[in-house]
Amino acid sequence: MSKSTTFKLVHFPRLVLNTARAWYAGEPFERSAIVAYYAILSLPALMIIILNVVGAFWGRDIVKGELLGQISEALGPDTAEAIKVMIIGKGNEATSVFATAVGIGTLIYGSTGVFFQVQSALDKIWEQEEDATNGVMAVIISRLKSFSFILIIGFLLLTSFILTSVLSTFGNSLQRILPDNLFEYLYIFDFLVSIGFIYVLFAAMFKFLPSATIPWQSVRVGALLTTILFLLGKYILAIYFSTMQPGSTYGAAGSIILIMLWVSYSSLILLFGAHFTRQYSNQFVKSKTELQ
């Protein structure tokens, strides 16, 4: 075991500075561009799988409307419409049993592409080398691990949709029954659940995607900082997209460019959070990372 130092607030500036240096040295812009590229390729398949998983419990049309509404809020109605067209086009591809089987395999493989690239980036941060001796099996395991994250996203979305829908459906009845203060707390709770969704997703990525065993103490701290940065970045990007309209420069391809920009910026934040987790783990956590 390595000797550790108790973390104090006074350590935070130095920790962030070390993180920034490691982040910049790790070619984050190149990595985020790769993730953004694979996100475009994975997006239709990823959306269809999430729609089918969550839609099986909550109704496909309801889930699609909610997801497209969130995308419209973040990236604008034109981008949401473009994604809707992608989903419809991808969903209409299969016409026979064989085509359906091939389509399902393509969906699973395609939807995991972006998580596979994130996993590769995280392994580089934790200095984990690819296992060349295990070739095909290692790729299959990585893809299955990536696919499990799609199911996690589906479960978290379902939980969020249920809570939001209950508040929307029974809001008037609850308002009559519950005191005003308590009713307002329910909406605050709904907001906190949405933040919790993001936090759990980042924590799961930092803990399970890399090939190293990451201490939970480091994961919790790193996921918290990443969530705060992501929410702040999401707010800034929404203002930037609505005022500057960077996609308008690219005409018909503007919606695709907006998606790539959003994913690229989000990936930069994710990579910074992962580097912060590594720096925190090295300085303040006793257990060393090991290969799984």
C-alpha atoms as a PDB file:
ATOM      1  CA  MET A   1       0.000   0.000   0.000  1.00  0.00           C
ATOM      2  CA  SER A   2       1.136   3.472  -0.801  1.00  0.00           C
ATOM      3  CA  LYS A   3       1.189   6.190   1.773  1.00  0.00           C
ATOM      4  CA  SER A   4      -1.689   8.669   1.355  1.00  0.00           C
ATOM      5  CA  THR A   5      -2.398  12.211   2.506  1.00  0.00           C
ATOM      6  CA  THR A   6      -5.728  13.318   3.940  1.00  0.00           C
ATOM      7  CA  PHE A   7      -7.449  15.577   1.438  1.00  0.00           C
ATOM      8  CA  LYS A   8      -8.115  19.136   2.588  1.00  0.00           C
ATOM      9  CA  LEU A   9      -9.643  22.071   0.732  1.00  0.00           C
ATOM     10  CA  VAL A  10      -6.243  23.765   0.593  1.00  0.00           C
ATOM     11  CA  HIS A  11      -5.063  20.913  -1.653  1.00  0.00           C
ATOM     12  CA  PHE A  12      -7.764  21.573  -4.262  1.00  0.00           C
ATOM     13  CA  PRO A  13      -6.028  24.334  -6.324  1.00  0.00           C
ATOM     14  CA  ARG A  14      -2.836  22.295  -6.683  1.00  0.00           C
ATOM     15  CA  LEU A  15      -4.877  19.200  -7.524  1.00  0.00           C
ATOM     16  CA  VAL A  16      -6.770  21.050 -10.268  1.00  0.00           C
ATOM     17  CA  LEU A  17      -3.515  22.476 -11.643  1.00  0.00           C
ATOM     18  CA  ASN A  18      -1.922  19.019 -11.822  1.00  0.00           C
ATOM     19  CA  THR A  19      -5.094  17.710 -13.441  1.00  0.00           C
ATOM     20  CA  ALA A  20      -5.058  20.468 -16.061  1.00  0.00           C
ATOM     21  CA  ARG A  21      -1.435  19.703 -16.932  1.00  0.00           C
ATOM     22  CA  ALA A  22      -2.091  15.963 -17.272  1.00  0.00           C
ATOM     23  CA  TRP A  23      -5.304  16.634 -19.215  1.00  0.00           C
ATOM     24  CA  TYR A  24      -3.579  18.924 -21.718  1.00  0.00           C
ATOM     25  CA  ALA A  25      -0.644  16.524 -22.121  1.00  0.00           C
ATOM     26  CA  GLY A  26      -3.087  13.709 -22.947  1.00  0.00           C
ATOM     27  CA  GLU A  27      -4.209  15.294 -26.251  1.00  0.00           C
ATOM     28  CA  PRO A  28      -7.813  15.841 -25.094  1.00  0.00           C
ATOM     29  CA  PHE A  29      -8.960  17.623 -28.261  1.00  0.00           C
ATOM     30  CA  GLU A  30      -7.899  14.727 -30.461  1.00  0.00           C
ATOM     31  CA  ARG A  31      -9.551  12.219 -28.124  1.00  0.00           C
ATOM     32  CA  SER A  32     -12.784  14.205 -27.886  1.00  0.00           C
ATOM     33  CA  ALA A  33     -12.900  14.531 -31.687  1.00  0.00           C
ATOM     34  CA  ILE A  34     -12.640  10.740 -32.017  1.00  0.00           C
ATOM     35  CA  VAL A  35     -15.438  10.246 -29.471  1.00  0.00           C
ATOM     36  CA  ALA A  36     -17.593  12.822 -31.290  1.00  0.00           C
ATOM     37  CA  TYR A  37     -17.073  11.018 -34.607  1.00  0.00           C
ATOM     38  CA  TYR A  38     -18.082   7.663 -33.135  1.00  0.00           C
ATOM     39  CA  ALA A  39     -21.006   9.310 -31.354  1.00  0.00           C
ATOM     40  CA  ILE A  40     -22.463  10.323 -34.725  1.00  0.00           C
ATOM     41  CA  LEU A  41     -22.074   6.760 -36.020  1.00  0.00           C
ATOM     42  CA  SER A  42     -23.489   5.263 -32.814  1.00  0.00           C
ATOM     43  CA  LEU A  43     -26.315   7.739 -32.228  1.00  0.00           C
ATOM     44  CA  PRO A  44     -29.142   6.165 -34.295  1.00  0.00           C
ATOM     45  CA  ALA A  45     -28.474   2.664 -32.926  1.00  0.00           C
ATOM     46  CA  LEU A  46     -28.013   3.977 -29.384  1.00  0.00           C
ATOM     47  CA  MET A  47     -31.288   5.906 -29.506  1.00  0.00           C
ATOM     48  CA  ILE A  48     -33.233   2.946 -30.916  1.00  0.00           C
ATOM     49  CA  ILE A  49     -31.981   0.560 -28.215  1.00  0.00           C
ATOM     50  CA  ILE A  50     -32.776   3.056 -25.441  1.00  0.00           C
ATOM     51  CA  LEU A  51     -36.212   3.692 -26.951  1.00  0.00           C
ATOM     52  CA  ASN A  52     -36.953  -0.034 -27.083  1.00  0.00           C
ATOM     53  CA  VAL A  53     -35.623  -0.776 -23.589  1.00  0.00           C
ATOM     54  CA  VAL A  54     -37.333   2.119 -21.803  1.00  0.00           C
ATOM     55  CA  GLY A  55     -40.298   2.169 -24.192  1.00  0.00           C
ATOM     56  CA  ALA A  56     -41.142  -1.426 -23.280  1.00  0.00           C
ATOM     57  CA  PHE A  57     -42.106  -0.148 -19.819  1.00  0.00           C
ATOM     58  CA  TRP A  58     -43.214   3.418 -20.462  1.00  0.00           C
ATOM     59  CA  GLY A  59     -44.345   3.594 -24.077  1.00  0.00           C
ATOM     60  CA  ARG A  60     -42.042   4.151 -27.031  1.00  0.00           C
ATOM     61  CA  ASP A  61     -43.720   7.333 -28.276  1.00  0.00           C
ATOM     62  CA  ILE A  62     -43.653   8.932 -24.820  1.00  0.00           C
ATOM     63  CA  VAL A  63     -39.970   8.151 -24.352  1.00  0.00           C
ATOM     64  CA  LYS A  64     -39.108   9.368 -27.855  1.00  0.00           C
ATOM     65  CA  GLY A  65     -40.953  12.623 -27.269  1.00  0.00           C
ATOM     66  CA  GLU A  66     -39.185  13.169 -23.948  1.00  0.00           C
ATOM     67  CA  LEU A  67     -35.722  12.417 -25.370  1.00  0.00           C
ATOM     68  CA  LEU A  68     -36.230  14.611 -28.422  1.00  0.00           C
ATOM     69  CA  GLY A  69     -37.536  17.356 -26.142  1.00  0.00           C
ATOM     70  CA  GLN A  70     -34.336  17.227 -24.080  1.00  0.00           C
ATOM     71  CA  ILE A  71     -32.228  17.282 -27.248  1.00  0.00           C
ATOM     72  CA  SER A  72     -34.245  20.210 -28.611  1.00  0.00           C
ATOM     73  CA  GLU A  73     -33.673  22.119 -25.377  1.00  0.00           C
ATOM     74  CA  ALA A  74     -29.912  21.528 -25.498  1.00  0.00           C
ATOM     75  CA  LEU A  75     -29.198  21.698 -29.238  1.00  0.00           C
ATOM     76  CA  GLY A  76     -32.260  23.254 -30.847  1.00  0.00           C
ATOM     77  CA  PRO A  77     -35.365  21.937 -32.682  1.00  0.00           C
ATOM     78  CA  ASP A  78     -33.566  21.433 -36.014  1.00  0.00           C
ATOM     79  CA  THR A  79     -31.074  19.039 -34.439  1.00  0.00           C
ATOM     80  CA  ALA A  80     -33.870  17.171 -32.645  1.00  0.00           C
ATOM     81  CA  GLU A  81     -35.699  16.805 -35.966  1.00  0.00           C
ATOM     82  CA  ALA A  82     -32.534  15.504 -37.655  1.00  0.00           C
ATOM     83  CA  ILE A  83     -32.110  12.863 -34.939  1.00  0.00           C
ATOM     84  CA  LYS A  84     -35.776  11.913 -35.312  1.00  0.00           C
ATOM     85  CA  VAL A  85     -35.199  11.306 -39.029  1.00  0.00           C
ATOM     86  CA  MET A  86     -32.127   9.170 -38.195  1.00  0.00           C
ATOM     87  CA  ILE A  87     -34.175   7.038 -35.794  1.00  0.00           C
ATOM     88  CA  ILE A  88     -36.996   6.534 -38.303  1.00  0.00           C
ATOM     89  CA  GLY A  89     -34.559   5.637 -41.083  1.00  0.00           C
ATOM     90  CA  LYS A  90     -32.618   3.189 -38.915  1.00  0.00           C
ATOM     91  CA  GLY A  91     -35.793   1.642 -37.528  1.00  0.00           C
ATOM     92  CA  ASN A  92     -37.168   0.889 -40.993  1.00  0.00           C
ATOM     93  CA  GLU A  93     -34.112  -0.980 -42.273  1.00  0.00           C
ATOM     94  CA  ALA A  94     -35.029  -4.548 -41.279  1.00  0.00           C
ATOM     95  CA  THR A  95     -37.522  -6.263 -43.614  1.00  0.00           C
ATOM     96  CA  SER A  96     -36.916 -10.014 -43.087  1.00  0.00           C
ATOM     97  CA  VAL A  97     -35.893 -12.419 -40.336  1.00  0.00           C
ATOM     98  CA  PHE A  98     -32.315 -12.475 -41.593  1.00  0.00           C
ATOM     99  CA  ALA A  99     -32.238  -8.708 -42.024  1.00  0.00           C
ATOM    100  CA  THR A 100     -33.690  -8.324 -38.538  1.00  0.00           C
ATOM    101  CA  ALA A 101     -31.007 -10.577 -37.011  1.00  0.00           C
ATOM    102  CA  VAL A 102     -28.258  -8.730 -38.862  1.00  0.00           C
ATOM    103  CA  GLY A 103     -29.883  -5.433 -37.916  1.00  0.00           C
ATOM    104  CA  ILE A 104     -29.915  -6.317 -34.214  1.00  0.00           C
ATOM    105  CA  GLY A 105     -26.241  -7.280 -34.334  1.00  0.00           C
ATOM    106  CA  THR A 106     -25.416  -4.072 -36.178  1.00  0.00           C
ATOM    107  CA  LEU A 107     -27.406  -2.049 -33.649  1.00  0.00           C
ATOM    108  CA  ILE A 108     -25.572  -3.574 -30.695  1.00  0.00           C
ATOM    109  CA  TYR A 109     -22.147  -3.214 -32.309  1.00  0.00           C
ATOM    110  CA  GLY A 110     -22.827   0.293 -33.581  1.00  0.00           C
ATOM    111  CA  SER A 111     -24.355   1.589 -30.366  1.00  0.00           C
ATOM    112  CA  THR A 112     -21.329   0.518 -28.323  1.00  0.00           C
ATOM    113  CA  GLY A 113     -18.819   2.355 -30.514  1.00  0.00           C
ATOM    114  CA  VAL A 114     -18.830   5.591 -28.548  1.00  0.00           C
ATOM    115  CA  PHE A 115     -18.461   3.820 -25.177  1.00  0.00           C
ATOM    116  CA  PHE A 116     -15.667   1.683 -26.631  1.00  0.00           C
ATOM    117  CA  GLN A 117     -13.770   4.862 -27.536  1.00  0.00           C
ATOM    118  CA  VAL A 118     -14.403   6.357 -24.089  1.00  0.00           C
ATOM    119  CA  GLN A 119     -13.076   3.141 -22.549  1.00  0.00           C
ATOM    120  CA  SER A 120      -9.945   3.395 -24.699  1.00  0.00           C
ATOM    121  CA  ALA A 121      -9.426   7.010 -23.592  1.00  0.00           C
ATOM    122  CA  LEU A 122      -9.872   6.112 -19.914  1.00  0.00           C
ATOM    123  CA  ASP A 123      -7.434   3.206 -20.209  1.00  0.00           C
ATOM    124  CA  LYS A 124      -4.852   5.604 -21.605  1.00  0.00           C
ATOM    125  CA  ILE A 125      -5.366   7.946 -18.637  1.00  0.00           C
ATOM    126  CA  TRP A 126      -4.852   5.058 -16.216  1.00  0.00           C
ATOM    127  CA  GLU A 127      -1.881   3.806 -18.306  1.00  0.00           C
ATOM    128  CA  GLN A 128      -3.456   0.459 -19.116  1.00  0.00           C
ATOM    129  CA  GLU A 129      -2.072  -1.335 -22.175  1.00  0.00           C
ATOM    130  CA  GLU A 130      -4.240  -3.311 -24.575  1.00  0.00           C
ATOM    131  CA  ASP A 131      -4.002  -7.086 -24.153  1.00  0.00           C
ATOM    132  CA  ALA A 132      -2.785  -8.202 -27.588  1.00  0.00           C
ATOM    133  CA  THR A 133      -2.816 -11.901 -26.605  1.00  0.00           C
ATOM    134  CA  ASN A 134      -6.570 -11.914 -26.122  1.00  0.00           C
ATOM    135  CA  GLY A 135      -7.431 -10.202 -29.418  1.00  0.00           C
ATOM    136  CA  VAL A 136     -11.004 -10.997 -30.438  1.00  0.00           C
ATOM    137  CA  MET A 137     -12.139 -12.049 -26.959  1.00  0.00           C
ATOM    138  CA  ALA A 138     -10.920  -8.773 -25.452  1.00  0.00           C
ATOM    139  CA  VAL A 139     -12.882  -6.809 -28.061  1.00  0.00           C
ATOM    140  CA  ILE A 140     -16.032  -8.853 -27.396  1.00  0.00           C
ATOM    141  CA  ILE A 141     -15.741  -8.319 -23.639  1.00  0.00           C
ATOM    142  CA  SER A 142     -15.172  -4.592 -24.159  1.00  0.00           C
ATOM    143  CA  ARG A 143     -18.230  -4.358 -26.414  1.00  0.00           C
ATOM    144  CA  LEU A 144     -20.376  -6.261 -23.908  1.00  0.00           C
ATOM    145  CA  LYS A 145     -19.176  -3.948 -21.153  1.00  0.00           C
ATOM    146  CA  SER A 146     -20.062  -0.983 -23.348  1.00  0.00           C
ATOM    147  CA  PHE A 147     -23.505  -2.434 -24.093  1.00  0.00           C
ATOM    148  CA  SER A 148     -24.164  -2.818 -20.374  1.00  0.00           C
ATOM    149  CA  PHE A 149     -23.820   0.956 -20.086  1.00  0.00           C
ATOM    150  CA  ILE A 150     -26.629   1.387 -22.585  1.00  0.00           C
ATOM    151  CA  LEU A 151     -28.835  -0.753 -20.327  1.00  0.00           C
ATOM    152  CA  ILE A 152     -27.758   1.319 -17.308  1.00  0.00           C
ATOM    153  CA  ILE A 153     -28.730   4.488 -19.171  1.00  0.00           C
ATOM    154  CA  GLY A 154     -32.070   2.892 -20.016  1.00  0.00           C
ATOM    155  CA  PHE A 155     -32.732   2.000 -16.377  1.00  0.00           C
ATOM    156  CA  LEU A 156     -31.788   5.472 -15.141  1.00  0.00           C
ATOM    157  CA  LEU A 157     -33.940   7.118 -17.814  1.00  0.00           C
ATOM    158  CA  LEU A 158     -36.866   4.891 -16.872  1.00  0.00           C
ATOM    159  CA  THR A 159     -36.529   5.866 -13.205  1.00  0.00           C
ATOM    160  CA  SER A 160     -36.350   9.543 -14.118  1.00  0.00           C
ATOM    161  CA  PHE A 161     -39.342   9.298 -16.474  1.00  0.00           C
ATOM    162  CA  ILE A 162     -41.461   7.548 -13.846  1.00  0.00           C
ATOM    163  CA  LEU A 163     -40.807  10.213 -11.226  1.00  0.00           C
ATOM    164  CA  THR A 164     -41.363  13.089 -13.665  1.00  0.00           C
ATOM    165  CA  SER A 165     -44.526  11.512 -15.056  1.00  0.00           C
ATOM    166  CA  VAL A 166     -45.963  10.889 -11.584  1.00  0.00           C
ATOM    167  CA  LEU A 167     -45.423  14.535 -10.698  1.00  0.00           C
ATOM    168  CA  SER A 168     -46.954  15.671 -13.993  1.00  0.00           C
ATOM    169  CA  THR A 169     -49.937  13.305 -13.862  1.00  0.00           C
ATOM    170  CA  PHE A 170     -50.818  13.645 -10.206  1.00  0.00           C
ATOM    171  CA  GLY A 171     -49.441  17.139  -9.680  1.00  0.00           C
ATOM    172  CA  ASN A 172     -52.816  18.830  -9.213  1.00  0.00           C
ATOM    173  CA  SER A 173     -54.051  16.138  -6.814  1.00  0.00           C
ATOM    174  CA  LEU A 174     -50.848  16.222  -4.793  1.00  0.00           C
ATOM    175  CA  GLN A 175     -50.965  20.010  -4.640  1.00  0.00           C
ATOM    176  CA  ARG A 176     -54.404  19.865  -3.025  1.00  0.00           C
ATOM    177  CA  ILE A 177     -53.378  17.181  -0.535  1.00  0.00           C
ATOM    178  CA  LEU A 178     -49.867  18.261   0.412  1.00  0.00           C
ATOM    179  CA  PRO A 179     -48.749  21.541   1.995  1.00  0.00           C
ATOM    180  CA  ASP A 180     -47.307  24.043  -0.495  1.00  0.00           C
ATOM    181  CA  ASN A 181     -43.790  23.759   0.897  1.00  0.00           C
ATOM    182  CA  LEU A 182     -43.798  19.965   0.710  1.00  0.00           C
ATOM    183  CA  PHE A 183     -45.150  20.026  -2.853  1.00  0.00           C
ATOM    184  CA  GLU A 184     -42.325  22.333  -3.926  1.00  0.00           C
ATOM    185  CA  TYR A 185     -39.852  19.942  -2.351  1.00  0.00           C
ATOM    186  CA  LEU A 186     -41.119  17.204  -4.677  1.00  0.00           C
ATOM    187  CA  TYR A 187     -40.035  19.221  -7.710  1.00  0.00           C
ATOM    188  CA  ILE A 188     -36.699  19.937  -6.049  1.00  0.00           C
ATOM    189  CA  PHE A 189     -36.381  16.197  -5.477  1.00  0.00           C
ATOM    190  CA  ASP A 190     -37.154  15.579  -9.164  1.00  0.00           C
ATOM    191  CA  PHE A 191     -34.381  18.025 -10.116  1.00  0.00           C
ATOM    192  CA  LEU A 192     -31.942  16.308  -7.748  1.00  0.00           C
ATOM    193  CA  VAL A 193     -32.822  12.926  -9.262  1.00  0.00           C
ATOM    194  CA  SER A 194     -31.896  14.295 -12.693  1.00  0.00           C
ATOM    195  CA  ILE A 195     -28.538  15.422 -11.310  1.00  0.00           C
ATOM    196  CA  GLY A 196     -28.157  12.050  -9.597  1.00  0.00           C
ATOM    197  CA  PHE A 197     -28.718  10.364 -12.965  1.00  0.00           C
ATOM    198  CA  ILE A 198     -25.726  12.224 -14.415  1.00  0.00           C
ATOM    199  CA  TYR A 199     -23.599  11.553 -11.313  1.00  0.00           C
ATOM    200  CA  VAL A 200     -24.300   7.799 -11.350  1.00  0.00           C
ATOM    201  CA  LEU A 201     -23.508   7.609 -15.061  1.00  0.00           C
ATOM    202  CA  PHE A 202     -20.136   9.327 -14.627  1.00  0.00           C
ATOM    203  CA  ALA A 203     -19.352   7.214 -11.560  1.00  0.00           C
ATOM    204  CA  ALA A 204     -20.175   4.018 -13.466  1.00  0.00           C
ATOM    205  CA  MET A 205     -17.967   5.100 -16.376  1.00  0.00           C
ATOM    206  CA  PHE A 206     -15.015   5.918 -14.122  1.00  0.00           C
ATOM    207  CA  LYS A 207     -15.393   2.716 -12.113  1.00  0.00           C
ATOM    208  CA  PHE A 208     -16.253   0.036 -14.675  1.00  0.00           C
ATOM    209  CA  LEU A 209     -15.091   1.158 -18.128  1.00  0.00           C
ATOM    210  CA  PRO A 210     -11.306   1.285 -17.475  1.00  0.00           C
ATOM    211  CA  SER A 211      -9.289  -1.936 -17.291  1.00  0.00           C
ATOM    212  CA  ALA A 212      -7.886  -0.785 -13.945  1.00  0.00           C
ATOM    213  CA  THR A 213      -9.509  -1.288 -10.554  1.00  0.00           C
ATOM    214  CA  ILE A 214     -10.379   2.235  -9.426  1.00  0.00           C
ATOM    215  CA  PRO A 215     -11.058   2.842  -5.701  1.00  0.00           C
ATOM    216  CA  TRP A 216     -14.638   3.938  -5.016  1.00  0.00           C
ATOM    217  CA  GLN A 217     -13.375   6.853  -2.932  1.00  0.00           C
ATOM    218  CA  SER A 218     -11.647   8.296  -6.000  1.00  0.00           C
ATOM    219  CA  VAL A 219     -14.627   7.538  -8.237  1.00  0.00           C
ATOM    220  CA  ARG A 220     -17.087   9.360  -5.972  1.00  0.00           C
ATOM    221  CA  VAL A 221     -14.968  12.516  -5.801  1.00  0.00           C
ATOM    222  CA  GLY A 222     -14.135  12.493  -9.513  1.00  0.00           C
ATOM    223  CA  ALA A 223     -17.750  11.897 -10.563  1.00  0.00           C
ATOM    224  CA  LEU A 224     -18.936  14.750  -8.330  1.00  0.00           C
ATOM    225  CA  LEU A 225     -16.543  17.275  -9.888  1.00  0.00           C
ATOM    226  CA  THR A 226     -17.333  16.011 -13.397  1.00  0.00           C
ATOM    227  CA  THR A 227     -21.077  16.342 -12.774  1.00  0.00           C
ATOM    228  CA  ILE A 228     -20.672  19.947 -11.605  1.00  0.00           C
ATOM    229  CA  LEU A 229     -18.509  20.806 -14.622  1.00  0.00           C
ATOM    230  CA  PHE A 230     -20.912  19.025 -16.984  1.00  0.00           C
ATOM    231  CA  LEU A 231     -23.968  20.902 -15.681  1.00  0.00           C
ATOM    232  CA  LEU A 232     -22.092  24.192 -15.908  1.00  0.00           C
ATOM    233  CA  GLY A 233     -20.878  23.354 -19.409  1.00  0.00           C
ATOM    234  CA  LYS A 234     -24.354  22.279 -20.492  1.00  0.00           C
ATOM    235  CA  TYR A 235     -25.760  25.646 -19.413  1.00  0.00           C
ATOM    236  CA  ILE A 236     -22.981  27.595 -21.173  1.00  0.00           C
ATOM    237  CA  LEU A 237     -23.323  25.521 -24.353  1.00  0.00           C
ATOM    238  CA  ALA A 238     -27.092  26.070 -24.444  1.00  0.00           C
ATOM    239  CA  ILE A 239     -26.510  29.842 -24.330  1.00  0.00           C
ATOM    240  CA  TYR A 240     -23.729  29.594 -26.927  1.00  0.00           C
ATOM    241  CA  PHE A 241     -25.788  27.498 -29.352  1.00  0.00           C
ATOM    242  CA  SER A 242     -28.859  29.729 -29.037  1.00  0.00           C
ATOM    243  CA  THR A 243     -26.985  33.026 -29.479  1.00  0.00           C
ATOM    244  CA  MET A 244     -24.109  32.193 -31.846  1.00  0.00           C
ATOM    245  CA  GLN A 245     -25.878  29.400 -33.807  1.00  0.00           C
ATOM    246  CA  PRO A 246     -22.607  27.756 -34.928  1.00  0.00           C
ATOM    247  CA  GLY A 247     -24.476  25.134 -36.962  1.00  0.00           C
ATOM    248  CA  SER A 248     -25.912  27.737 -39.361  1.00  0.00           C
ATOM    249  CA  THR A 249     -22.491  28.126 -41.002  1.00  0.00           C
ATOM    250  CA  TYR A 250     -22.643  24.541 -42.281  1.00  0.00           C
ATOM    251  CA  GLY A 251     -26.086  24.643 -43.888  1.00  0.00           C
ATOM    252  CA  ALA A 252     -27.753  21.220 -44.193  1.00  0.00           C
ATOM    253  CA  ALA A 253     -24.968  19.593 -42.161  1.00  0.00           C
ATOM    254  CA  GLY A 254     -25.458  22.072 -39.309  1.00  0.00           C
ATOM    255  CA  SER A 255     -27.391  19.634 -37.099  1.00  0.00           C
ATOM    256  CA  ILE A 256     -24.649  17.005 -37.363  1.00  0.00           C
ATOM    257  CA  ILE A 257     -21.997  19.621 -36.578  1.00  0.00           C
ATOM    258  CA  LEU A 258     -23.939  20.739 -33.476  1.00  0.00           C
ATOM    259  CA  ILE A 259     -24.128  17.163 -32.196  1.00  0.00           C
ATOM    260  CA  MET A 260     -20.399  16.679 -32.760  1.00  0.00           C
ATOM    261  CA  LEU A 261     -19.605  19.985 -31.044  1.00  0.00           C
ATOM    262  CA  TRP A 262     -21.765  19.107 -28.030  1.00  0.00           C
ATOM    263  CA  VAL A 263     -20.276  15.612 -27.708  1.00  0.00           C
ATOM    264  CA  SER A 264     -16.766  16.979 -28.200  1.00  0.00           C
ATOM    265  CA  TYR A 265     -17.175  19.610 -25.479  1.00  0.00           C
ATOM    266  CA  SER A 266     -18.771  17.045 -23.151  1.00  0.00           C
ATOM    267  CA  SER A 267     -15.903  14.624 -23.825  1.00  0.00           C
ATOM    268  CA  LEU A 268     -13.377  17.290 -22.858  1.00  0.00           C
ATOM    269  CA  ILE A 269     -15.160  17.609 -19.508  1.00  0.00           C
ATOM    270  CA  LEU A 270     -15.324  13.825 -19.103  1.00  0.00           C
ATOM    271  CA  LEU A 271     -11.597  13.472 -19.784  1.00  0.00           C
ATOM    272  CA  PHE A 272     -10.782  16.280 -17.357  1.00  0.00           C
ATOM    273  CA  GLY A 273     -12.877  14.520 -14.700  1.00  0.00           C
ATOM    274  CA  ALA A 274     -11.078  11.237 -15.382  1.00  0.00           C
ATOM    275  CA  HIS A 275      -7.673  12.907 -15.039  1.00  0.00           C
ATOM    276  CA  PHE A 276      -8.860  14.534 -11.805  1.00  0.00           C
ATOM    277  CA  THR A 277      -9.917  11.103 -10.523  1.00  0.00           C
ATOM    278  CA  ARG A 278      -6.463   9.726 -11.354  1.00  0.00           C
ATOM    279  CA  GLN A 279      -4.652  12.636  -9.683  1.00  0.00           C
ATOM    280  CA  TYR A 280      -6.860  12.407  -6.592  1.00  0.00           C
ATOM    281  CA  SER A 281      -6.352   8.651  -6.388  1.00  0.00           C
ATOM    282  CA  ASN A 282      -2.576   8.956  -6.668  1.00  0.00           C
ATOM    283  CA  GLN A 283      -2.308  11.606  -3.950  1.00  0.00           C
ATOM    284  CA  PHE A 284      -5.054  10.855  -1.443  1.00  0.00           C
ATOM    285  CA  VAL A 285      -6.109   7.194  -1.725  1.00  0.00           C
ATOM    286  CA  LYS A 286      -4.098   4.355  -0.201  1.00  0.00           C
ATOM    287  CA  SER A 287      -4.911   1.509  -2.593  1.00  0.00           C
ATOM    288  CA  LYS A 288      -3.082   1.341  -5.889  1.00  0.00           C
ATOM    289  CA  THR A 289      -4.869   0.642  -9.171  1.00  0.00           C
ATOM    290  CA  GLU A 290      -4.511  -2.840 -10.534  1.00  0.00           C
ATOM    291  CA  LEU A 291      -5.399  -4.623 -13.714  1.00  0.00           C
ATOM    292  CA  GLN A 292      -8.772  -6.333 -13.580  1.00  0.00           C
END
